[in-house]
Amino acid sequence: MTRFILRRLAQVIPMLLVLTFVVFFLIQLAPYDVVDSITTPNMSDETVEIMRQRYGLDQPVIVQYLSWLGNVLQGDLGYSLTSRQPITAELAARIPNTIILVAPAYLAALVLAVALGLIAGSRRGKLADRVIDSLAGIGIATPSFWFALLLIYVFGYALRWFPIIGMHSVGKEGDPVDFLLHFVLPFTVLVVAFFPELARYVRSATITQTAQDYVLVQRAYGASRGRILGFHVSRNVLLPIITQLGLALPLLVTGAIVTESVFAWPGIGPYFLSATKSLDYPVILAVLMLSAVLVIVGNLIADILYVVVDPRIRIGGAS
C-alpha cells in the first residue's frame, strides 16, 4: 500500500507540469490579454506597452511560464493581474464558502440517489423504476443555469420567499436564519444537478446485483424483498458508491461554478469566471492546478477506500 501511494504521488508532478503548461500556452493564443481588459480607449500606446512590461507580458511565453512556475515552487501563487490581490488569500476566503454549499448538496444527492436507485433497480421495468429513471433523465437533460433561473423567478421574484443574491443580507452576516434562506435555492439546484447520474449509477449496480446467484439463494430460502435489498444487495451496491466519495473531492472546489455565479455566491465560481473573462492567467492556473491536485488525490483516496472496504481486493490485482 505504501509503495502504491508513493508511486501515485510521484505521478502528480509531471501531470501538473503538463497541465499548467498547456493551459498557459492556450491562454497565450487568445487574441487579447489581461491588459486589453483593463485599458481604456484614451490610453496611449506607450502607456499600454508600459503596462505589458509591468505584468511581464512582453516576455516570451516560456519565460513567463518559468517565472510563474518558480514562484509557485516557492509557495507563492502570485497576484491577480486585474485586482492586484494575492491569489492565496482570495482562495482561502472563497474555498470554505464553496465547500459549505457543495458538500451538503452532494451528500444529500448521494443519500437520495442510493435510496431511489435501490428502489428502481430492484423493481426494474415497473412503475417505480420508470418514474425514477424518467426523473433522472429529465435531471440530466436540464441545464443547471436554466433551473437556477427558474427557481429565482418563481421563489425569489414571484413569491419572494427566498433571497436570490449572495450568502448573507447586508448587516446580517452572523444570522443563521438569513444564511439558510440564501442557502436553499443554490442547494436545491446542486442537489438536482448531482442526483441524476448518481441515481442511474446506483440503479445499474442494483440491477447487476439482483441478477447474482446469492439473491436467488436468498429468495429460495424465503427471504423477503426488503431483507434481500437491505442486508445483501445494498452492501454490494454501496461498495463502489464509497469510492465515489473520493472521486467527488474536486467538486468541493469546482463543482458549483455555474450555480455560484448565477446566485452570486461568494465562492470559487464567480472568481474563476471573472478571471477567465479577463484572461487573468495567474488566477486561472491557480484554480486549475488546485482542481488537478484534488482529482489526483481523489482518485488515490478512491483506490485506497476500495481496498479498505473490500479486503478481498489487493493492490496490483492479487486477490
C-alpha atoms as a PDB file:
ATOM      1  CA  MET A   1       0.000   0.000   0.000  1.00  0.00           C
ATOM      2  CA  THR A   2       2.808   2.430   0.881  1.00  0.00           C
ATOM      3  CA  ARG A   3       4.603   1.761  -2.391  1.00  0.00           C
ATOM      4  CA  PHE A   4       1.349   2.188  -4.279  1.00  0.00           C
ATOM      5  CA  ILE A   5       0.654   5.557  -2.629  1.00  0.00           C
ATOM      6  CA  LEU A   6       4.200   6.806  -3.254  1.00  0.00           C
ATOM      7  CA  ARG A   7       4.053   5.682  -6.877  1.00  0.00           C
ATOM      8  CA  ARG A   8       0.758   7.505  -7.429  1.00  0.00           C
ATOM      9  CA  LEU A   9       2.046  10.646  -5.736  1.00  0.00           C
ATOM     10  CA  ALA A  10       5.126  10.579  -7.959  1.00  0.00           C
ATOM     11  CA  GLN A  11       2.807  10.937 -10.954  1.00  0.00           C
ATOM     12  CA  VAL A  12       1.476  14.250  -9.659  1.00  0.00           C
ATOM     13  CA  ILE A  13       4.463  16.418 -10.617  1.00  0.00           C
ATOM     14  CA  PRO A  14       4.701  15.581 -14.348  1.00  0.00           C
ATOM     15  CA  MET A  15       0.910  15.687 -14.733  1.00  0.00           C
ATOM     16  CA  LEU A  16       0.707  19.127 -13.129  1.00  0.00           C
ATOM     17  CA  LEU A  17       3.593  20.438 -15.243  1.00  0.00           C
ATOM     18  CA  VAL A  18       1.942  19.279 -18.455  1.00  0.00           C
ATOM     19  CA  LEU A  19      -1.474  20.616 -17.421  1.00  0.00           C
ATOM     20  CA  THR A  20      -0.249  24.045 -16.374  1.00  0.00           C
ATOM     21  CA  PHE A  21       1.959  24.471 -19.450  1.00  0.00           C
ATOM     22  CA  VAL A  22      -0.856  23.514 -21.837  1.00  0.00           C
ATOM     23  CA  VAL A  23      -3.271  25.918 -20.144  1.00  0.00           C
ATOM     24  CA  PHE A  24      -0.645  28.676 -20.093  1.00  0.00           C
ATOM     25  CA  PHE A  25       0.099  28.160 -23.798  1.00  0.00           C
ATOM     26  CA  LEU A  26      -3.601  28.167 -24.753  1.00  0.00           C
ATOM     27  CA  ILE A  27      -4.128  31.414 -22.860  1.00  0.00           C
ATOM     28  CA  GLN A  28      -1.315  32.994 -24.869  1.00  0.00           C
ATOM     29  CA  LEU A  29      -3.083  32.002 -28.105  1.00  0.00           C
ATOM     30  CA  ALA A  30      -6.083  34.188 -27.243  1.00  0.00           C
ATOM     31  CA  PRO A  31      -6.486  37.302 -29.455  1.00  0.00           C
ATOM     32  CA  TYR A  32      -6.341  39.578 -26.397  1.00  0.00           C
ATOM     33  CA  ASP A  33      -4.846  39.510 -22.920  1.00  0.00           C
ATOM     34  CA  VAL A  34      -5.485  40.915 -19.468  1.00  0.00           C
ATOM     35  CA  VAL A  35      -4.060  44.330 -20.411  1.00  0.00           C
ATOM     36  CA  ASP A  36      -6.708  44.671 -23.118  1.00  0.00           C
ATOM     37  CA  SER A  37      -9.409  44.115 -20.499  1.00  0.00           C
ATOM     38  CA  ILE A  38      -8.205  46.911 -18.215  1.00  0.00           C
ATOM     39  CA  THR A  39      -7.090  49.564 -20.702  1.00  0.00           C
ATOM     40  CA  THR A  40      -9.285  52.432 -21.857  1.00  0.00           C
ATOM     41  CA  PRO A  41      -9.595  53.895 -25.371  1.00  0.00           C
ATOM     42  CA  ASN A  42      -7.860  57.140 -24.394  1.00  0.00           C
ATOM     43  CA  MET A  43      -4.657  55.409 -23.246  1.00  0.00           C
ATOM     44  CA  SER A  44      -1.624  55.915 -25.455  1.00  0.00           C
ATOM     45  CA  ASP A  45       0.322  53.034 -26.982  1.00  0.00           C
ATOM     46  CA  GLU A  46       3.255  53.895 -24.725  1.00  0.00           C
ATOM     47  CA  THR A  47       1.086  53.543 -21.620  1.00  0.00           C
ATOM     48  CA  VAL A  48      -0.264  50.195 -22.796  1.00  0.00           C
ATOM     49  CA  GLU A  49       3.261  48.961 -23.505  1.00  0.00           C
ATOM     50  CA  ILE A  50       4.410  50.030 -20.039  1.00  0.00           C
ATOM     51  CA  MET A  51       1.539  48.040 -18.530  1.00  0.00           C
ATOM     52  CA  ARG A  52       2.536  44.971 -20.534  1.00  0.00           C
ATOM     53  CA  GLN A  53       6.097  45.307 -19.291  1.00  0.00           C
ATOM     54  CA  ARG A  54       4.914  45.695 -15.692  1.00  0.00           C
ATOM     55  CA  TYR A  55       2.932  42.462 -15.935  1.00  0.00           C
ATOM     56  CA  GLY A  56       5.739  40.702 -17.801  1.00  0.00           C
ATOM     57  CA  LEU A  57       3.526  40.101 -20.838  1.00  0.00           C
ATOM     58  CA  ASP A  58       6.211  41.402 -23.189  1.00  0.00           C
ATOM     59  CA  GLN A  59       8.385  38.367 -22.419  1.00  0.00           C
ATOM     60  CA  PRO A  60       8.355  35.122 -24.449  1.00  0.00           C
ATOM     61  CA  VAL A  61       5.781  32.535 -23.379  1.00  0.00           C
ATOM     62  CA  ILE A  62       8.339  30.113 -21.950  1.00  0.00           C
ATOM     63  CA  VAL A  63       9.949  32.891 -19.888  1.00  0.00           C
ATOM     64  CA  GLN A  64       6.561  33.907 -18.463  1.00  0.00           C
ATOM     65  CA  TYR A  65       5.741  30.280 -17.645  1.00  0.00           C
ATOM     66  CA  LEU A  66       9.081  29.585 -15.953  1.00  0.00           C
ATOM     67  CA  SER A  67       8.718  32.785 -13.920  1.00  0.00           C
ATOM     68  CA  TRP A  68       5.250  31.720 -12.773  1.00  0.00           C
ATOM     69  CA  LEU A  69       6.456  28.176 -12.049  1.00  0.00           C
ATOM     70  CA  GLY A  70       9.395  29.441  -9.996  1.00  0.00           C
ATOM     71  CA  ASN A  71       7.063  31.490  -7.807  1.00  0.00           C
ATOM     72  CA  VAL A  72       4.706  28.527  -7.333  1.00  0.00           C
ATOM     73  CA  LEU A  73       7.576  26.271  -6.249  1.00  0.00           C
ATOM     74  CA  GLN A  74       8.314  28.835  -3.543  1.00  0.00           C
ATOM     75  CA  GLY A  75       4.708  28.637  -2.359  1.00  0.00           C
ATOM     76  CA  ASP A  76       3.664  31.907  -3.994  1.00  0.00           C
ATOM     77  CA  LEU A  77       0.638  31.684  -6.294  1.00  0.00           C
ATOM     78  CA  GLY A  78       1.159  35.306  -7.225  1.00  0.00           C
ATOM     79  CA  TYR A  79      -1.265  38.189  -7.578  1.00  0.00           C
ATOM     80  CA  SER A  80      -4.332  38.672  -9.705  1.00  0.00           C
ATOM     81  CA  LEU A  81      -3.423  40.844 -12.680  1.00  0.00           C
ATOM     82  CA  THR A  82      -6.762  42.652 -12.542  1.00  0.00           C
ATOM     83  CA  SER A  83      -7.407  43.147  -8.813  1.00  0.00           C
ATOM     84  CA  ARG A  84      -3.742  43.038  -7.689  1.00  0.00           C
ATOM     85  CA  GLN A  85      -4.854  40.976  -4.684  1.00  0.00           C
ATOM     86  CA  PRO A  86      -2.881  37.895  -3.539  1.00  0.00           C
ATOM     87  CA  ILE A  87      -4.421  34.764  -5.023  1.00  0.00           C
ATOM     88  CA  THR A  88      -3.699  32.641  -1.949  1.00  0.00           C
ATOM     89  CA  ALA A  89      -5.714  34.973   0.264  1.00  0.00           C
ATOM     90  CA  GLU A  90      -8.577  35.082  -2.236  1.00  0.00           C
ATOM     91  CA  LEU A  91      -8.741  31.286  -2.482  1.00  0.00           C
ATOM     92  CA  ALA A  92      -8.521  30.903   1.297  1.00  0.00           C
ATOM     93  CA  ALA A  93     -11.527  33.208   1.681  1.00  0.00           C
ATOM     94  CA  ARG A  94     -13.619  31.663  -1.099  1.00  0.00           C
ATOM     95  CA  ILE A  95     -12.973  27.904  -0.880  1.00  0.00           C
ATOM     96  CA  PRO A  96     -14.745  27.490   2.509  1.00  0.00           C
ATOM     97  CA  ASN A  97     -17.820  29.203   1.057  1.00  0.00           C
ATOM     98  CA  THR A  98     -17.845  26.755  -1.853  1.00  0.00           C
ATOM     99  CA  ILE A  99     -17.392  23.752   0.452  1.00  0.00           C
ATOM    100  CA  ILE A 100     -20.259  24.932   2.687  1.00  0.00           C
ATOM    101  CA  LEU A 101     -22.522  24.873  -0.355  1.00  0.00           C
ATOM    102  CA  VAL A 102     -21.271  21.874  -2.335  1.00  0.00           C
ATOM    103  CA  ALA A 103     -20.601  19.291   0.411  1.00  0.00           C
ATOM    104  CA  PRO A 104     -24.142  19.202   1.891  1.00  0.00           C
ATOM    105  CA  ALA A 105     -25.668  19.246  -1.596  1.00  0.00           C
ATOM    106  CA  TYR A 106     -23.556  16.310  -2.772  1.00  0.00           C
ATOM    107  CA  LEU A 107     -24.225  14.251   0.364  1.00  0.00           C
ATOM    108  CA  ALA A 108     -27.968  14.931   0.126  1.00  0.00           C
ATOM    109  CA  ALA A 109     -27.958  13.947  -3.558  1.00  0.00           C
ATOM    110  CA  LEU A 110     -25.979  10.796  -2.730  1.00  0.00           C
ATOM    111  CA  VAL A 111     -28.403   9.681   0.006  1.00  0.00           C
ATOM    112  CA  LEU A 112     -31.388  10.382  -2.245  1.00  0.00           C
ATOM    113  CA  ALA A 113     -29.754   8.576  -5.164  1.00  0.00           C
ATOM    114  CA  VAL A 114     -28.930   5.491  -3.100  1.00  0.00           C
ATOM    115  CA  ALA A 115     -32.477   5.206  -1.740  1.00  0.00           C
ATOM    116  CA  LEU A 116     -34.265   5.772  -5.060  1.00  0.00           C
ATOM    117  CA  GLY A 117     -31.652   3.883  -7.091  1.00  0.00           C
ATOM    118  CA  LEU A 118     -32.116   0.774  -4.946  1.00  0.00           C
ATOM    119  CA  ILE A 119     -35.885   1.000  -5.329  1.00  0.00           C
ATOM    120  CA  ALA A 120     -35.661   1.480  -9.099  1.00  0.00           C
ATOM    121  CA  GLY A 121     -33.098  -1.267  -9.640  1.00  0.00           C
ATOM    122  CA  SER A 122     -34.983  -3.813  -7.556  1.00  0.00           C
ATOM    123  CA  ARG A 123     -38.203  -3.100  -9.492  1.00  0.00           C
ATOM    124  CA  ARG A 124     -36.787  -2.997 -12.998  1.00  0.00           C
ATOM    125  CA  GLY A 125     -39.418  -2.253 -15.633  1.00  0.00           C
ATOM    126  CA  LYS A 126     -42.153  -1.492 -13.127  1.00  0.00           C
ATOM    127  CA  LEU A 127     -43.844   1.841 -12.449  1.00  0.00           C
ATOM    128  CA  ALA A 128     -41.436   2.934  -9.690  1.00  0.00           C
ATOM    129  CA  ASP A 129     -38.443   2.204 -11.909  1.00  0.00           C
ATOM    130  CA  ARG A 130     -39.901   4.080 -14.879  1.00  0.00           C
ATOM    131  CA  VAL A 131     -40.781   7.121 -12.758  1.00  0.00           C
ATOM    132  CA  ILE A 132     -37.368   7.321 -11.044  1.00  0.00           C
ATOM    133  CA  ASP A 133     -35.463   6.684 -14.266  1.00  0.00           C
ATOM    134  CA  SER A 134     -37.529   9.343 -16.058  1.00  0.00           C
ATOM    135  CA  LEU A 135     -36.813  11.863 -13.305  1.00  0.00           C
ATOM    136  CA  ALA A 136     -33.104  11.097 -13.592  1.00  0.00           C
ATOM    137  CA  GLY A 137     -33.266  11.531 -17.357  1.00  0.00           C
ATOM    138  CA  ILE A 138     -35.038  14.874 -17.032  1.00  0.00           C
ATOM    139  CA  GLY A 139     -32.454  15.984 -14.467  1.00  0.00           C
ATOM    140  CA  ILE A 140     -29.557  15.087 -16.774  1.00  0.00           C
ATOM    141  CA  ALA A 141     -31.163  16.952 -19.672  1.00  0.00           C
ATOM    142  CA  THR A 142     -31.938  20.088 -17.625  1.00  0.00           C
ATOM    143  CA  PRO A 143     -29.190  22.756 -17.686  1.00  0.00           C
ATOM    144  CA  SER A 144     -28.268  23.883 -14.184  1.00  0.00           C
ATOM    145  CA  PHE A 145     -28.289  27.571 -15.079  1.00  0.00           C
ATOM    146  CA  TRP A 146     -31.808  27.302 -16.555  1.00  0.00           C
ATOM    147  CA  PHE A 147     -33.141  25.525 -13.486  1.00  0.00           C
ATOM    148  CA  ALA A 148     -31.442  28.103 -11.263  1.00  0.00           C
ATOM    149  CA  LEU A 149     -33.052  30.967 -13.187  1.00  0.00           C
ATOM    150  CA  LEU A 150     -36.431  29.221 -12.933  1.00  0.00           C
ATOM    151  CA  LEU A 151     -36.135  28.945  -9.145  1.00  0.00           C
ATOM    152  CA  ILE A 152     -35.018  32.560  -8.919  1.00  0.00           C
ATOM    153  CA  TYR A 153     -38.063  33.726 -10.876  1.00  0.00           C
ATOM    154  CA  VAL A 154     -40.617  31.580  -9.036  1.00  0.00           C
ATOM    155  CA  PHE A 155     -39.354  31.621  -5.435  1.00  0.00           C
ATOM    156  CA  GLY A 156     -37.245  34.757  -5.460  1.00  0.00           C
ATOM    157  CA  TYR A 157     -39.125  37.176  -7.693  1.00  0.00           C
ATOM    158  CA  ALA A 158     -42.763  36.000  -7.924  1.00  0.00           C
ATOM    159  CA  LEU A 159     -43.286  34.570  -4.420  1.00  0.00           C
ATOM    160  CA  ARG A 160     -40.408  36.413  -2.711  1.00  0.00           C
ATOM    161  CA  TRP A 161     -39.814  33.507  -0.338  1.00  0.00           C
ATOM    162  CA  PHE A 162     -36.031  33.441  -0.619  1.00  0.00           C
ATOM    163  CA  PRO A 163     -33.265  35.967  -1.379  1.00  0.00           C
ATOM    164  CA  ILE A 164     -31.543  35.337  -4.667  1.00  0.00           C
ATOM    165  CA  ILE A 165     -28.141  37.025  -4.361  1.00  0.00           C
ATOM    166  CA  GLY A 166     -25.173  36.369  -2.119  1.00  0.00           C
ATOM    167  CA  MET A 167     -24.609  34.369   1.026  1.00  0.00           C
ATOM    168  CA  HIS A 168     -25.924  36.919   3.546  1.00  0.00           C
ATOM    169  CA  SER A 169     -28.057  40.024   3.540  1.00  0.00           C
ATOM    170  CA  VAL A 170     -26.285  43.281   4.307  1.00  0.00           C
ATOM    171  CA  GLY A 171     -25.922  43.658   8.067  1.00  0.00           C
ATOM    172  CA  LYS A 172     -26.964  40.043   8.787  1.00  0.00           C
ATOM    173  CA  GLU A 173     -23.656  38.265   8.271  1.00  0.00           C
ATOM    174  CA  GLY A 174     -23.928  36.309  11.544  1.00  0.00           C
ATOM    175  CA  ASP A 175     -27.625  35.439  11.298  1.00  0.00           C
ATOM    176  CA  PRO A 176     -28.061  31.645  10.712  1.00  0.00           C
ATOM    177  CA  VAL A 177     -31.679  32.059   9.563  1.00  0.00           C
ATOM    178  CA  ASP A 178     -30.635  34.593   6.942  1.00  0.00           C
ATOM    179  CA  PHE A 179     -27.872  32.243   5.782  1.00  0.00           C
ATOM    180  CA  LEU A 180     -30.308  29.323   5.422  1.00  0.00           C
ATOM    181  CA  LEU A 181     -32.677  31.470   3.368  1.00  0.00           C
ATOM    182  CA  HIS A 182     -29.829  32.301   0.975  1.00  0.00           C
ATOM    183  CA  PHE A 183     -28.673  28.673   1.035  1.00  0.00           C
ATOM    184  CA  VAL A 184     -31.927  26.957  -0.015  1.00  0.00           C
ATOM    185  CA  LEU A 185     -32.072  27.840  -3.719  1.00  0.00           C
ATOM    186  CA  PRO A 186     -28.436  27.121  -4.732  1.00  0.00           C
ATOM    187  CA  PHE A 187     -28.517  23.981  -2.566  1.00  0.00           C
ATOM    188  CA  THR A 188     -31.608  22.749  -4.415  1.00  0.00           C
ATOM    189  CA  VAL A 189     -30.025  23.437  -7.799  1.00  0.00           C
ATOM    190  CA  LEU A 190     -26.908  21.450  -6.896  1.00  0.00           C
ATOM    191  CA  VAL A 191     -28.887  18.509  -5.498  1.00  0.00           C
ATOM    192  CA  VAL A 192     -30.830  18.320  -8.762  1.00  0.00           C
ATOM    193  CA  ALA A 193     -27.558  18.577 -10.702  1.00  0.00           C
ATOM    194  CA  PHE A 194     -25.747  15.840  -8.736  1.00  0.00           C
ATOM    195  CA  PHE A 195     -28.655  13.433  -8.215  1.00  0.00           C
ATOM    196  CA  PRO A 196     -29.433  12.049 -11.736  1.00  0.00           C
ATOM    197  CA  GLU A 197     -26.068  10.475 -12.584  1.00  0.00           C
ATOM    198  CA  LEU A 198     -25.675   9.062  -9.077  1.00  0.00           C
ATOM    199  CA  ALA A 199     -29.180   7.562  -9.216  1.00  0.00           C
ATOM    200  CA  ARG A 200     -28.502   5.989 -12.617  1.00  0.00           C
ATOM    201  CA  TYR A 201     -25.239   4.589 -11.258  1.00  0.00           C
ATOM    202  CA  VAL A 202     -26.944   3.018  -8.213  1.00  0.00           C
ATOM    203  CA  ARG A 203     -29.818   1.692 -10.327  1.00  0.00           C
ATOM    204  CA  SER A 204     -27.425  -0.007 -12.748  1.00  0.00           C
ATOM    205  CA  ALA A 205     -25.418  -1.543  -9.899  1.00  0.00           C
ATOM    206  CA  THR A 206     -28.613  -2.777  -8.213  1.00  0.00           C
ATOM    207  CA  ILE A 207     -29.841  -4.440 -11.411  1.00  0.00           C
ATOM    208  CA  THR A 208     -26.493  -6.211 -11.728  1.00  0.00           C
ATOM    209  CA  GLN A 209     -26.568  -7.416  -8.125  1.00  0.00           C
ATOM    210  CA  THR A 210     -30.165  -8.657  -8.202  1.00  0.00           C
ATOM    211  CA  ALA A 211     -29.196 -10.986 -11.057  1.00  0.00           C
ATOM    212  CA  GLN A 212     -26.481 -12.665  -8.969  1.00  0.00           C
ATOM    213  CA  ASP A 213     -26.787 -16.204  -7.614  1.00  0.00           C
ATOM    214  CA  TYR A 214     -26.757 -15.151  -3.958  1.00  0.00           C
ATOM    215  CA  VAL A 215     -30.031 -13.265  -4.499  1.00  0.00           C
ATOM    216  CA  LEU A 216     -31.649 -16.385  -5.982  1.00  0.00           C
ATOM    217  CA  VAL A 217     -30.443 -18.400  -2.992  1.00  0.00           C
ATOM    218  CA  GLN A 218     -31.919 -15.893  -0.549  1.00  0.00           C
ATOM    219  CA  ARG A 219     -35.227 -15.975  -2.392  1.00  0.00           C
ATOM    220  CA  ALA A 220     -35.191 -19.771  -2.300  1.00  0.00           C
ATOM    221  CA  TYR A 221     -34.799 -19.602   1.483  1.00  0.00           C
ATOM    222  CA  GLY A 222     -37.869 -17.380   1.632  1.00  0.00           C
ATOM    223  CA  ALA A 223     -36.176 -14.064   2.410  1.00  0.00           C
ATOM    224  CA  SER A 224     -38.355 -11.025   1.757  1.00  0.00           C
ATOM    225  CA  ARG A 225     -37.558  -8.467  -0.937  1.00  0.00           C
ATOM    226  CA  GLY A 226     -36.838  -5.833   1.734  1.00  0.00           C
ATOM    227  CA  ARG A 227     -34.416  -8.073   3.614  1.00  0.00           C
ATOM    228  CA  ILE A 228     -32.558  -9.078   0.433  1.00  0.00           C
ATOM    229  CA  LEU A 229     -32.326  -5.449  -0.634  1.00  0.00           C
ATOM    230  CA  GLY A 230     -31.384  -4.045   2.767  1.00  0.00           C
ATOM    231  CA  PHE A 231     -28.981  -6.695   4.057  1.00  0.00           C
ATOM    232  CA  HIS A 232     -27.374  -8.113   0.925  1.00  0.00           C
ATOM    233  CA  VAL A 233     -27.799  -6.124  -2.276  1.00  0.00           C
ATOM    234  CA  SER A 234     -27.255  -2.714  -0.656  1.00  0.00           C
ATOM    235  CA  ARG A 235     -23.909  -3.778   0.832  1.00  0.00           C
ATOM    236  CA  ASN A 236     -22.517  -4.745  -2.564  1.00  0.00           C
ATOM    237  CA  VAL A 237     -24.004  -1.670  -4.225  1.00  0.00           C
ATOM    238  CA  LEU A 238     -22.542   0.658  -1.599  1.00  0.00           C
ATOM    239  CA  LEU A 239     -19.010  -0.647  -2.197  1.00  0.00           C
ATOM    240  CA  PRO A 240     -18.458   1.315  -5.441  1.00  0.00           C
ATOM    241  CA  ILE A 241     -20.531   4.186  -4.029  1.00  0.00           C
ATOM    242  CA  ILE A 242     -17.976   4.637  -1.231  1.00  0.00           C
ATOM    243  CA  THR A 243     -15.260   5.103  -3.819  1.00  0.00           C
ATOM    244  CA  GLN A 244     -17.345   7.855  -5.405  1.00  0.00           C
ATOM    245  CA  LEU A 245     -16.683   9.960  -2.309  1.00  0.00           C
ATOM    246  CA  GLY A 246     -13.013  10.114  -3.250  1.00  0.00           C
ATOM    247  CA  LEU A 247     -13.757  10.889  -6.883  1.00  0.00           C
ATOM    248  CA  ALA A 248     -16.096  13.691  -5.764  1.00  0.00           C
ATOM    249  CA  LEU A 249     -13.296  15.543  -3.963  1.00  0.00           C
ATOM    250  CA  PRO A 250     -12.657  18.017  -6.851  1.00  0.00           C
ATOM    251  CA  LEU A 251     -16.328  19.034  -6.682  1.00  0.00           C
ATOM    252  CA  LEU A 252     -15.603  20.742  -3.375  1.00  0.00           C
ATOM    253  CA  VAL A 253     -13.730  23.427  -5.339  1.00  0.00           C
ATOM    254  CA  THR A 254     -15.029  23.458  -8.910  1.00  0.00           C
ATOM    255  CA  GLY A 255     -18.345  21.650  -8.610  1.00  0.00           C
ATOM    256  CA  ALA A 256     -20.586  24.720  -8.470  1.00  0.00           C
ATOM    257  CA  ILE A 257     -19.020  27.315 -10.764  1.00  0.00           C
ATOM    258  CA  VAL A 258     -22.212  27.982 -12.743  1.00  0.00           C
ATOM    259  CA  THR A 259     -24.553  27.837  -9.755  1.00  0.00           C
ATOM    260  CA  GLU A 260     -22.370  30.111  -7.650  1.00  0.00           C
ATOM    261  CA  SER A 261     -22.149  32.607 -10.489  1.00  0.00           C
ATOM    262  CA  VAL A 262     -25.922  32.676 -11.039  1.00  0.00           C
ATOM    263  CA  PHE A 263     -26.638  33.253  -7.343  1.00  0.00           C
ATOM    264  CA  ALA A 264     -23.567  35.480  -6.787  1.00  0.00           C
ATOM    265  CA  TRP A 265     -22.436  33.078  -4.067  1.00  0.00           C
ATOM    266  CA  PRO A 266     -19.010  34.295  -2.868  1.00  0.00           C
ATOM    267  CA  GLY A 267     -17.142  31.112  -3.749  1.00  0.00           C
ATOM    268  CA  ILE A 268     -14.702  29.950  -6.401  1.00  0.00           C
ATOM    269  CA  GLY A 269     -17.243  30.193  -9.230  1.00  0.00           C
ATOM    270  CA  PRO A 270     -17.539  33.982  -9.722  1.00  0.00           C
ATOM    271  CA  TYR A 271     -13.817  34.414  -9.025  1.00  0.00           C
ATOM    272  CA  PHE A 272     -12.825  31.863 -11.663  1.00  0.00           C
ATOM    273  CA  LEU A 273     -15.288  33.100 -14.294  1.00  0.00           C
ATOM    274  CA  SER A 274     -14.157  36.683 -13.804  1.00  0.00           C
ATOM    275  CA  ALA A 275     -10.528  35.627 -14.237  1.00  0.00           C
ATOM    276  CA  THR A 276     -11.428  33.651 -17.363  1.00  0.00           C
ATOM    277  CA  LYS A 277     -13.195  36.601 -18.993  1.00  0.00           C
ATOM    278  CA  SER A 278     -10.207  38.881 -18.384  1.00  0.00           C
ATOM    279  CA  LEU A 279      -7.574  36.183 -19.130  1.00  0.00           C
ATOM    280  CA  ASP A 280      -6.110  36.659 -15.667  1.00  0.00           C
ATOM    281  CA  TYR A 281      -3.789  33.691 -16.114  1.00  0.00           C
ATOM    282  CA  PRO A 282      -2.321  33.515 -12.562  1.00  0.00           C
ATOM    283  CA  VAL A 283      -5.827  33.005 -11.150  1.00  0.00           C
ATOM    284  CA  ILE A 284      -6.826  30.542 -13.896  1.00  0.00           C
ATOM    285  CA  LEU A 285      -3.678  28.479 -13.394  1.00  0.00           C
ATOM    286  CA  ALA A 286      -4.021  28.502  -9.602  1.00  0.00           C
ATOM    287  CA  VAL A 287      -7.612  27.209  -9.692  1.00  0.00           C
ATOM    288  CA  LEU A 288      -6.871  24.597 -12.353  1.00  0.00           C
ATOM    289  CA  MET A 289      -3.779  23.404 -10.509  1.00  0.00           C
ATOM    290  CA  LEU A 290      -5.773  23.076  -7.281  1.00  0.00           C
ATOM    291  CA  SER A 291      -8.503  21.197  -9.135  1.00  0.00           C
ATOM    292  CA  ALA A 292      -5.950  18.872 -10.758  1.00  0.00           C
ATOM    293  CA  VAL A 293      -4.358  18.097  -7.404  1.00  0.00           C
ATOM    294  CA  LEU A 294      -7.780  17.248  -5.986  1.00  0.00           C
ATOM    295  CA  VAL A 295      -8.512  14.974  -8.961  1.00  0.00           C
ATOM    296  CA  ILE A 296      -5.302  13.048  -8.379  1.00  0.00           C
ATOM    297  CA  VAL A 297      -5.756  12.911  -4.599  1.00  0.00           C
ATOM    298  CA  GLY A 298      -9.426  11.973  -5.042  1.00  0.00           C
ATOM    299  CA  ASN A 299      -8.531   9.053  -7.307  1.00  0.00           C
ATOM    300  CA  LEU A 300      -5.923   7.918  -4.798  1.00  0.00           C
ATOM    301  CA  ILE A 301      -8.437   8.091  -1.945  1.00  0.00           C
ATOM    302  CA  ALA A 302     -10.964   6.146  -4.038  1.00  0.00           C
ATOM    303  CA  ASP A 303      -8.428   3.372  -4.689  1.00  0.00           C
ATOM    304  CA  ILE A 304      -7.491   3.193  -1.005  1.00  0.00           C
ATOM    305  CA  LEU A 305     -11.130   3.140   0.118  1.00  0.00           C
ATOM    306  CA  TYR A 306     -11.887   0.337  -2.307  1.00  0.00           C
ATOM    307  CA  VAL A 307      -9.141  -1.799  -0.778  1.00  0.00           C
ATOM    308  CA  VAL A 308     -10.141  -0.896   2.801  1.00  0.00           C
ATOM    309  CA  VAL A 309     -13.852  -1.668   2.436  1.00  0.00           C
ATOM    310  CA  ASP A 310     -13.260  -4.882   0.460  1.00  0.00           C
ATOM    311  CA  PRO A 311     -10.353  -6.914   1.923  1.00  0.00           C
ATOM    312  CA  ARG A 312     -10.616  -9.361  -0.989  1.00  0.00           C
ATOM    313  CA  ILE A 313      -9.062  -6.739  -3.262  1.00  0.00           C
ATOM    314  CA  ARG A 314      -5.317  -6.292  -3.253  1.00  0.00           C
ATOM    315  CA  ILE A 315      -3.185  -3.658  -4.908  1.00  0.00           C
ATOM    316  CA  GLY A 316      -1.736  -4.972  -8.131  1.00  0.00           C
ATOM    317  CA  GLY A 317      -4.606  -7.351  -8.938  1.00  0.00           C
ATOM    318  CA  ALA A 318      -3.900 -10.160  -6.430  1.00  0.00           C
ATOM    319  CA  SER A 319      -6.929 -11.416  -4.539  1.00  0.00           C
END
